[in-house]
C-alpha atoms as a PDB file:
ATOM      1  CA  MET A   1      -9.645  13.417  -2.217  1.00  0.00           C
ATOM      2  CA  ALA A   2     -11.647  14.857   0.696  1.00  0.00           C
ATOM      3  CA  GLY A   3     -14.015  12.364   2.187  1.00  0.00           C
ATOM      4  CA  THR A   4     -11.384   9.125   1.999  1.00  0.00           C
ATOM      5  CA  THR A   5     -10.684   9.078   5.721  1.00  0.00           C
ATOM      6  CA  GLU A   6     -13.294   7.052   6.489  1.00  0.00           C
ATOM      7  CA  LEU A   7     -12.094   4.245   3.921  1.00  0.00           C
ATOM      8  CA  ALA A   8     -10.326   1.085   4.943  1.00  0.00           C
ATOM      9  CA  TRP A   9      -6.853   1.760   3.919  1.00  0.00           C
ATOM     10  CA  PHE A  10      -4.095  -1.239   3.355  1.00  0.00           C
ATOM     11  CA  LYS A  11      -0.809  -1.570   2.232  1.00  0.00           C
ATOM     12  CA  SER A  12       0.455  -4.458  -0.021  1.00  0.00           C
ATOM     13  CA  SER A  13       1.940  -7.395   1.824  1.00  0.00           C
ATOM     14  CA  HIS A  14       5.339  -6.629   0.072  1.00  0.00           C
ATOM     15  CA  SER A  15       5.617  -3.637   2.089  1.00  0.00           C
ATOM     16  CA  GLY A  16       8.503  -3.470   4.397  1.00  0.00           C
ATOM     17  CA  THR A  17       7.852  -2.978   8.270  1.00  0.00           C
ATOM     18  CA  GLN A  18       9.715   0.419   8.125  1.00  0.00           C
ATOM     19  CA  GLY A  19       6.474   2.109   6.367  1.00  0.00           C
ATOM     20  CA  ASP A  20       8.426   3.890   3.955  1.00  0.00           C
ATOM     21  CA  SER A  21       8.312   4.218   0.175  1.00  0.00           C
ATOM     22  CA  CYS A  22       5.049   2.475   0.181  1.00  0.00           C
ATOM     23  CA  VAL A  23       1.401   3.424  -0.938  1.00  0.00           C
ATOM     24  CA  GLU A  24      -1.840   2.657   0.387  1.00  0.00           C
ATOM     25  CA  VAL A  25      -5.059   1.509  -1.107  1.00  0.00           C
ATOM     26  CA  ALA A  26      -8.581   1.655  -0.444  1.00  0.00           C
ATOM     27  CA  VAL A  27     -11.683   0.424  -2.597  1.00  0.00           C
ATOM     28  CA  ALA A  28     -15.156   1.978  -2.128  1.00  0.00           C
ATOM     29  CA  GLY A  29     -17.833   1.715  -4.851  1.00  0.00           C
ATOM     30  CA  LEU A  30     -16.780   1.862  -8.184  1.00  0.00           C
ATOM     31  CA  ALA A  31     -13.434   3.346  -7.442  1.00  0.00           C
ATOM     32  CA  VAL A  32      -9.950   2.269  -5.933  1.00  0.00           C
ATOM     33  CA  HIS A  33      -8.350   5.033  -3.908  1.00  0.00           C
ATOM     34  CA  VAL A  34      -4.518   5.449  -4.006  1.00  0.00           C
ATOM     35  CA  ARG A  35      -2.558   7.625  -1.506  1.00  0.00           C
ATOM     36  CA  ASP A  36       0.978   7.793  -0.668  1.00  0.00           C
ATOM     37  CA  SER A  37       1.637   6.315   2.965  1.00  0.00           C
ATOM     38  CA  LYS A  38       4.272   8.380   4.047  1.00  0.00           C
ATOM     39  CA  ASP A  39       2.118  11.690   3.884  1.00  0.00           C
ATOM     40  CA  VAL A  40      -1.582  10.877   3.715  1.00  0.00           C
ATOM     41  CA  THR A  41      -2.282  14.324   3.875  1.00  0.00           C
ATOM     42  CA  LEU A  42      -1.122  14.818   0.092  1.00  0.00           C
ATOM     43  CA  PRO A  43      -3.804  14.604  -2.865  1.00  0.00           C
ATOM     44  CA  GLY A  44      -4.562  11.059  -3.892  1.00  0.00           C
ATOM     45  CA  LEU A  45      -5.796   9.268  -6.975  1.00  0.00           C
ATOM     46  CA  ALA A  46      -9.003   7.389  -7.714  1.00  0.00           C
ATOM     47  CA  VAL A  47      -9.183   5.264 -10.487  1.00  0.00           C
ATOM     48  CA  GLY A  48     -12.296   3.009 -11.543  1.00  0.00           C
ATOM     49  CA  ARG A  49     -12.254  -0.799 -10.657  1.00  0.00           C
ATOM     50  CA  ASP A  50     -11.559  -2.047 -14.421  1.00  0.00           C
ATOM     51  CA  GLY A  51      -8.548   0.470 -14.812  1.00  0.00           C
ATOM     52  CA  TRP A  52      -7.166  -0.822 -11.432  1.00  0.00           C
ATOM     53  CA  GLY A  53      -7.722  -4.248 -12.351  1.00  0.00           C
ATOM     54  CA  ARG A  54      -5.727  -3.518 -15.837  1.00  0.00           C
ATOM     55  CA  PHE A  55      -2.840  -1.990 -14.000  1.00  0.00           C
ATOM     56  CA  VAL A  56      -2.483  -4.634 -11.551  1.00  0.00           C
ATOM     57  CA  SER A  57      -2.676  -7.222 -14.310  1.00  0.00           C
ATOM     58  CA  PHE A  58       0.219  -5.318 -16.201  1.00  0.00           C
ATOM     59  CA  VAL A  59       2.381  -4.939 -13.245  1.00  0.00           C
ATOM     60  CA  SER A  60       2.114  -8.626 -12.083  1.00  0.00           C
ATOM     61  CA  GLN A  61       3.438  -9.370 -15.479  1.00  0.00           C
ATOM     62  CA  ALA A  62       6.671  -7.707 -15.186  1.00  0.00           C
END
């Protein structure tokens, strides 16, 4: 995910204050970027906004 350092990353409001076991998300253009907050140097994932919306809808029903 080269070029993602300038994105505005955020964590879920459900994340603990310890900063562990969490993912960060940033929205840019038509994509939603996801990365491991424990090691932001690892490759991340980018998905389309529609796909992200379906994912969030699915997990919110669980």
